[in-house]
């Protein structure tokens, strides 16, 4: 998605060779037109799949899951990081480790909102180590639902996340795939010439 790559080049702050800050347009302040375009792109990439639910983890994936849900005309569900006192029903849960926050937490989804018969598209903002997405894949499997695939806004292709998901047989589409980055420099996967 060229529009997304250009925004990353223009506004993304590369804090290290593994940390990219995109909070001016994706994670803190959200460019709503871009978020809706991202949702439409996920709907296009997974067109023809009988998706019944879009799934994400709170908080940074919510706007993209909602945009995809709107484009697909299906509800979206998000896994909660903390159990609220109002969450009294039976839950599906999995531990996930946050690369950004450097902490592990239990995410939960009410069994009322995900179950057998659901065809699920997982959407998230970043794919890096893959821990959060593997946790969601485990929840989809625990629910007896069918995973259609995973859509990520930005993928750090130099980290192991994609291979972890592909080893589980998961179809992965990322809109911007970063091959490498360092302060002041970023290379996307399609920028790297193929050696024949």
C-alpha atoms as a PDB file:
ATOM      1  CA  UNK A   1       0.000   0.000   0.000  1.00  0.00           C
ATOM      2  CA  UNK A   2       2.042   2.897  -1.370  1.00  0.00           C
ATOM      3  CA  UNK A   3       0.068   5.583   0.481  1.00  0.00           C
ATOM      4  CA  UNK A   4       0.885   3.930   3.815  1.00  0.00           C
ATOM      5  CA  UNK A   5       4.567   3.502   2.919  1.00  0.00           C
ATOM      6  CA  UNK A   6       4.819   7.186   2.015  1.00  0.00           C
ATOM      7  CA  UNK A   7       3.271   8.231   5.336  1.00  0.00           C
ATOM      8  CA  UNK A   8       5.744   5.997   7.163  1.00  0.00           C
ATOM      9  CA  UNK A   9       8.641   7.572   5.230  1.00  0.00           C
ATOM     10  CA  UNK A  10       7.373  11.118   5.882  1.00  0.00           C
ATOM     11  CA  UNK A  11       6.085  10.894   9.459  1.00  0.00           C
ATOM     12  CA  UNK A  12       7.439   7.697  10.997  1.00  0.00           C
ATOM     13  CA  UNK A  13      10.145   8.123  13.614  1.00  0.00           C
ATOM     14  CA  UNK A  14      12.716   5.344  13.647  1.00  0.00           C
ATOM     15  CA  UNK A  15      13.950   5.155  17.223  1.00  0.00           C
ATOM     16  CA  UNK A  16      16.222   2.129  16.676  1.00  0.00           C
ATOM     17  CA  UNK A  17      16.680  -0.756  14.258  1.00  0.00           C
ATOM     18  CA  UNK A  18      13.603  -2.435  15.830  1.00  0.00           C
ATOM     19  CA  UNK A  19      11.356   0.442  17.027  1.00  0.00           C
ATOM     20  CA  UNK A  20       9.220   2.530  14.662  1.00  0.00           C
ATOM     21  CA  UNK A  21       6.981   5.268  16.066  1.00  0.00           C
ATOM     22  CA  UNK A  22       3.915   6.097  13.949  1.00  0.00           C
ATOM     23  CA  UNK A  23       1.797   7.817  16.561  1.00  0.00           C
ATOM     24  CA  UNK A  24       1.178  10.978  14.508  1.00  0.00           C
ATOM     25  CA  UNK A  25      -1.107   9.100  12.081  1.00  0.00           C
ATOM     26  CA  UNK A  26      -1.728   5.493  13.245  1.00  0.00           C
ATOM     27  CA  UNK A  27      -1.318   4.782  16.963  1.00  0.00           C
ATOM     28  CA  UNK A  28      -2.013   7.881  19.032  1.00  0.00           C
ATOM     29  CA  UNK A  29      -3.490  10.368  16.624  1.00  0.00           C
ATOM     30  CA  UNK A  30      -5.302   8.487  13.860  1.00  0.00           C
ATOM     31  CA  UNK A  31      -5.742   9.686  10.287  1.00  0.00           C
ATOM     32  CA  UNK A  32      -9.315   8.461   9.910  1.00  0.00           C
ATOM     33  CA  UNK A  33      -9.307   8.544   6.094  1.00  0.00           C
ATOM     34  CA  UNK A  34      -6.147   6.427   6.069  1.00  0.00           C
ATOM     35  CA  UNK A  35      -7.651   4.029   8.636  1.00  0.00           C
ATOM     36  CA  UNK A  36     -10.759   3.568   6.478  1.00  0.00           C
ATOM     37  CA  UNK A  37      -8.572   3.022   3.377  1.00  0.00           C
ATOM     38  CA  UNK A  38      -6.653   0.363   5.336  1.00  0.00           C
ATOM     39  CA  UNK A  39      -9.943  -1.344   6.206  1.00  0.00           C
ATOM     40  CA  UNK A  40     -10.997  -1.336   2.544  1.00  0.00           C
ATOM     41  CA  UNK A  41      -7.623  -2.790   1.527  1.00  0.00           C
ATOM     42  CA  UNK A  42      -8.006  -5.668   3.999  1.00  0.00           C
ATOM     43  CA  UNK A  43     -11.523  -6.283   2.639  1.00  0.00           C
ATOM     44  CA  UNK A  44     -10.075  -6.377  -0.906  1.00  0.00           C
ATOM     45  CA  UNK A  45      -7.221  -8.719   0.054  1.00  0.00           C
ATOM     46  CA  UNK A  46      -9.603 -11.176   1.732  1.00  0.00           C
ATOM     47  CA  UNK A  47     -12.460 -10.768  -0.783  1.00  0.00           C
ATOM     48  CA  UNK A  48     -14.354 -13.966  -1.429  1.00  0.00           C
ATOM     49  CA  UNK A  49     -13.742 -15.316   2.075  1.00  0.00           C
ATOM     50  CA  UNK A  50     -16.930 -15.835   4.097  1.00  0.00           C
ATOM     51  CA  UNK A  51     -15.724 -13.678   7.029  1.00  0.00           C
ATOM     52  CA  UNK A  52     -18.192 -13.306   9.902  1.00  0.00           C
ATOM     53  CA  UNK A  53     -15.959 -11.542  12.482  1.00  0.00           C
ATOM     54  CA  UNK A  54     -12.870  -9.349  12.586  1.00  0.00           C
ATOM     55  CA  UNK A  55     -10.706  -9.849  15.684  1.00  0.00           C
ATOM     56  CA  UNK A  56      -7.973  -7.734  17.277  1.00  0.00           C
ATOM     57  CA  UNK A  57      -6.376  -6.888  20.641  1.00  0.00           C
ATOM     58  CA  UNK A  58      -6.985  -3.601  22.410  1.00  0.00           C
ATOM     59  CA  UNK A  59      -5.863  -0.879  21.871  1.00  0.00           C
ATOM     60  CA  UNK A  60      -3.838   0.017  18.760  1.00  0.00           C
ATOM     61  CA  UNK A  61      -5.527  -2.488  16.451  1.00  0.00           C
ATOM     62  CA  UNK A  62      -9.077  -1.376  17.225  1.00  0.00           C
ATOM     63  CA  UNK A  63      -9.372   1.359  14.587  1.00  0.00           C
ATOM     64  CA  UNK A  64      -8.133  -0.944  11.816  1.00  0.00           C
ATOM     65  CA  UNK A  65     -10.328  -3.862  12.899  1.00  0.00           C
ATOM     66  CA  UNK A  66     -13.305  -1.519  12.989  1.00  0.00           C
ATOM     67  CA  UNK A  67     -12.447  -0.140   9.527  1.00  0.00           C
ATOM     68  CA  UNK A  68     -12.129  -3.699   8.166  1.00  0.00           C
ATOM     69  CA  UNK A  69     -15.414  -4.659   9.850  1.00  0.00           C
ATOM     70  CA  UNK A  70     -17.136  -1.678   8.214  1.00  0.00           C
ATOM     71  CA  UNK A  71     -15.688  -2.567   4.799  1.00  0.00           C
ATOM     72  CA  UNK A  72     -16.701  -6.228   5.210  1.00  0.00           C
ATOM     73  CA  UNK A  73     -20.050  -5.373   6.856  1.00  0.00           C
ATOM     74  CA  UNK A  74     -19.372  -7.657   9.839  1.00  0.00           C
ATOM     75  CA  UNK A  75     -18.838  -7.021  13.567  1.00  0.00           C
ATOM     76  CA  UNK A  76     -15.402  -6.734  15.083  1.00  0.00           C
ATOM     77  CA  UNK A  77     -14.377  -8.106  18.466  1.00  0.00           C
ATOM     78  CA  UNK A  78     -11.360  -7.137  20.501  1.00  0.00           C
ATOM     79  CA  UNK A  79      -9.544  -9.140  23.125  1.00  0.00           C
ATOM     80  CA  UNK A  80      -9.333  -7.270  26.403  1.00  0.00           C
ATOM     81  CA  UNK A  81      -6.024  -6.987  28.218  1.00  0.00           C
ATOM     82  CA  UNK A  82      -7.588  -6.651  31.656  1.00  0.00           C
ATOM     83  CA  UNK A  83     -10.637  -8.435  32.967  1.00  0.00           C
ATOM     84  CA  UNK A  84     -13.330  -5.913  33.877  1.00  0.00           C
ATOM     85  CA  UNK A  85     -15.793  -6.614  36.700  1.00  0.00           C
ATOM     86  CA  UNK A  86     -18.526  -6.633  34.036  1.00  0.00           C
ATOM     87  CA  UNK A  87     -16.833  -9.514  32.194  1.00  0.00           C
ATOM     88  CA  UNK A  88     -18.497 -12.295  34.159  1.00  0.00           C
ATOM     89  CA  UNK A  89     -19.244 -14.849  31.427  1.00  0.00           C
ATOM     90  CA  UNK A  90     -17.024 -17.699  30.238  1.00  0.00           C
ATOM     91  CA  UNK A  91     -13.926 -16.528  28.422  1.00  0.00           C
ATOM     92  CA  UNK A  92     -11.369 -17.641  25.901  1.00  0.00           C
ATOM     93  CA  UNK A  93      -7.952 -16.400  26.926  1.00  0.00           C
ATOM     94  CA  UNK A  94      -4.287 -16.606  26.019  1.00  0.00           C
ATOM     95  CA  UNK A  95      -1.050 -15.092  27.305  1.00  0.00           C
ATOM     96  CA  UNK A  96       0.652 -12.596  24.987  1.00  0.00           C
ATOM     97  CA  UNK A  97       3.929 -10.743  25.259  1.00  0.00           C
ATOM     98  CA  UNK A  98       4.042  -7.110  24.124  1.00  0.00           C
ATOM     99  CA  UNK A  99       7.267  -6.251  22.297  1.00  0.00           C
ATOM    100  CA  UNK A 100       6.551  -2.528  22.687  1.00  0.00           C
ATOM    101  CA  UNK A 101       5.638  -2.599  26.379  1.00  0.00           C
ATOM    102  CA  UNK A 102       7.972  -5.464  27.328  1.00  0.00           C
ATOM    103  CA  UNK A 103       5.314  -7.176  29.428  1.00  0.00           C
ATOM    104  CA  UNK A 104       3.202 -10.308  29.274  1.00  0.00           C
ATOM    105  CA  UNK A 105      -0.528 -10.183  29.918  1.00  0.00           C
ATOM    106  CA  UNK A 106      -3.580 -12.399  29.571  1.00  0.00           C
ATOM    107  CA  UNK A 107      -6.034 -11.368  26.835  1.00  0.00           C
ATOM    108  CA  UNK A 108      -9.662 -12.459  27.011  1.00  0.00           C
ATOM    109  CA  UNK A 109     -12.743 -12.642  24.803  1.00  0.00           C
ATOM    110  CA  UNK A 110     -16.233 -13.556  25.935  1.00  0.00           C
ATOM    111  CA  UNK A 111     -17.416 -16.882  24.536  1.00  0.00           C
ATOM    112  CA  UNK A 112     -20.652 -15.061  23.616  1.00  0.00           C
ATOM    113  CA  UNK A 113     -18.876 -13.209  20.811  1.00  0.00           C
ATOM    114  CA  UNK A 114     -16.722 -15.891  19.201  1.00  0.00           C
ATOM    115  CA  UNK A 115     -17.461 -19.529  18.565  1.00  0.00           C
ATOM    116  CA  UNK A 116     -17.833 -22.444  16.179  1.00  0.00           C
ATOM    117  CA  UNK A 117     -19.222 -21.326  12.850  1.00  0.00           C
ATOM    118  CA  UNK A 118     -17.346 -18.014  12.900  1.00  0.00           C
ATOM    119  CA  UNK A 119     -14.942 -17.286  10.052  1.00  0.00           C
ATOM    120  CA  UNK A 120     -12.377 -14.910  11.532  1.00  0.00           C
ATOM    121  CA  UNK A 121     -10.035 -12.324  10.071  1.00  0.00           C
ATOM    122  CA  UNK A 122      -7.455 -11.116  12.606  1.00  0.00           C
ATOM    123  CA  UNK A 123      -6.303  -7.514  12.087  1.00  0.00           C
ATOM    124  CA  UNK A 124      -3.537  -5.720  13.987  1.00  0.00           C
ATOM    125  CA  UNK A 125      -1.362  -2.646  13.636  1.00  0.00           C
ATOM    126  CA  UNK A 126       2.083  -4.318  13.807  1.00  0.00           C
ATOM    127  CA  UNK A 127       3.578  -7.715  13.089  1.00  0.00           C
ATOM    128  CA  UNK A 128       7.004  -8.026  14.710  1.00  0.00           C
ATOM    129  CA  UNK A 129       7.681 -10.982  16.997  1.00  0.00           C
ATOM    130  CA  UNK A 130       4.184 -12.341  16.369  1.00  0.00           C
ATOM    131  CA  UNK A 131       3.402 -13.072  20.033  1.00  0.00           C
ATOM    132  CA  UNK A 132       0.128 -11.131  20.143  1.00  0.00           C
ATOM    133  CA  UNK A 133      -1.111 -12.602  16.880  1.00  0.00           C
ATOM    134  CA  UNK A 134      -0.169 -16.160  17.892  1.00  0.00           C
ATOM    135  CA  UNK A 135      -2.212 -15.578  21.076  1.00  0.00           C
ATOM    136  CA  UNK A 136      -5.214 -14.548  18.978  1.00  0.00           C
ATOM    137  CA  UNK A 137      -4.758 -17.547  16.662  1.00  0.00           C
ATOM    138  CA  UNK A 138      -4.815 -19.777  19.760  1.00  0.00           C
ATOM    139  CA  UNK A 139      -8.056 -18.132  20.933  1.00  0.00           C
ATOM    140  CA  UNK A 140      -9.679 -18.638  17.507  1.00  0.00           C
ATOM    141  CA  UNK A 141      -8.686 -22.316  17.644  1.00  0.00           C
ATOM    142  CA  UNK A 142      -9.921 -22.673  21.241  1.00  0.00           C
ATOM    143  CA  UNK A 143     -13.269 -21.196  20.172  1.00  0.00           C
ATOM    144  CA  UNK A 144     -13.610 -23.777  17.390  1.00  0.00           C
ATOM    145  CA  UNK A 145     -13.839 -20.944  14.855  1.00  0.00           C
ATOM    146  CA  UNK A 146     -12.115 -20.942  11.466  1.00  0.00           C
ATOM    147  CA  UNK A 147      -9.233 -18.539  10.881  1.00  0.00           C
ATOM    148  CA  UNK A 148      -9.387 -17.006   7.410  1.00  0.00           C
ATOM    149  CA  UNK A 149      -6.128 -15.095   7.809  1.00  0.00           C
ATOM    150  CA  UNK A 150      -4.220 -12.255   9.438  1.00  0.00           C
ATOM    151  CA  UNK A 151      -4.001  -8.700   8.147  1.00  0.00           C
ATOM    152  CA  UNK A 152      -1.285  -6.415   9.526  1.00  0.00           C
ATOM    153  CA  UNK A 153      -0.888  -2.738   8.826  1.00  0.00           C
ATOM    154  CA  UNK A 154       2.915  -2.705   9.253  1.00  0.00           C
ATOM    155  CA  UNK A 155       5.217  -5.722   9.310  1.00  0.00           C
ATOM    156  CA  UNK A 156       8.811  -5.707  10.462  1.00  0.00           C
ATOM    157  CA  UNK A 157       9.843  -8.496   8.085  1.00  0.00           C
ATOM    158  CA  UNK A 158      13.278  -8.800   9.685  1.00  0.00           C
ATOM    159  CA  UNK A 159      11.656 -10.191  12.847  1.00  0.00           C
ATOM    160  CA  UNK A 160      10.239 -13.693  13.286  1.00  0.00           C
ATOM    161  CA  UNK A 161       6.484 -12.955  13.434  1.00  0.00           C
ATOM    162  CA  UNK A 162       5.540 -13.932   9.879  1.00  0.00           C
ATOM    163  CA  UNK A 163       7.416 -17.228  10.010  1.00  0.00           C
ATOM    164  CA  UNK A 164       5.754 -18.156  13.332  1.00  0.00           C
ATOM    165  CA  UNK A 165       2.322 -17.591  11.789  1.00  0.00           C
ATOM    166  CA  UNK A 166       3.161 -19.333   8.518  1.00  0.00           C
ATOM    167  CA  UNK A 167       4.452 -22.367  10.471  1.00  0.00           C
ATOM    168  CA  UNK A 168       0.925 -22.581  11.896  1.00  0.00           C
ATOM    169  CA  UNK A 169      -0.494 -22.495   8.347  1.00  0.00           C
ATOM    170  CA  UNK A 170      -1.827 -18.939   8.685  1.00  0.00           C
ATOM    171  CA  UNK A 171      -2.329 -16.753   5.607  1.00  0.00           C
ATOM    172  CA  UNK A 172      -0.695 -13.352   6.277  1.00  0.00           C
ATOM    173  CA  UNK A 173      -1.130 -10.068   4.389  1.00  0.00           C
ATOM    174  CA  UNK A 174       0.759  -6.963   5.491  1.00  0.00           C
ATOM    175  CA  UNK A 175       0.193  -3.575   3.897  1.00  0.00           C
ATOM    176  CA  UNK A 176       3.701  -2.200   4.500  1.00  0.00           C
ATOM    177  CA  UNK A 177       6.561  -4.694   4.890  1.00  0.00           C
ATOM    178  CA  UNK A 178       9.755  -3.226   6.306  1.00  0.00           C
ATOM    179  CA  UNK A 179      12.902  -5.090   5.254  1.00  0.00           C
ATOM    180  CA  UNK A 180      15.248  -3.015   7.446  1.00  0.00           C
ATOM    181  CA  UNK A 181      15.402   0.284   9.262  1.00  0.00           C
ATOM    182  CA  UNK A 182      17.742   2.449  11.267  1.00  0.00           C
ATOM    183  CA  UNK A 183      17.436   6.076  12.380  1.00  0.00           C
ATOM    184  CA  UNK A 184      17.058   8.147   9.221  1.00  0.00           C
ATOM    185  CA  UNK A 185      16.703   5.150   6.890  1.00  0.00           C
ATOM    186  CA  UNK A 186      13.939   2.687   6.036  1.00  0.00           C
ATOM    187  CA  UNK A 187      13.688   0.015   3.339  1.00  0.00           C
ATOM    188  CA  UNK A 188      10.498  -1.777   2.373  1.00  0.00           C
ATOM    189  CA  UNK A 189      10.524  -5.360   1.093  1.00  0.00           C
ATOM    190  CA  UNK A 190       9.624  -4.363  -2.482  1.00  0.00           C
ATOM    191  CA  UNK A 191      12.498  -1.837  -2.481  1.00  0.00           C
ATOM    192  CA  UNK A 192      15.067  -4.660  -2.234  1.00  0.00           C
ATOM    193  CA  UNK A 193      16.007  -5.989  -5.696  1.00  0.00           C
ATOM    194  CA  UNK A 194      15.682  -9.734  -6.196  1.00  0.00           C
ATOM    195  CA  UNK A 195      18.962 -11.509  -6.893  1.00  0.00           C
ATOM    196  CA  UNK A 196      18.645 -14.062  -9.681  1.00  0.00           C
END
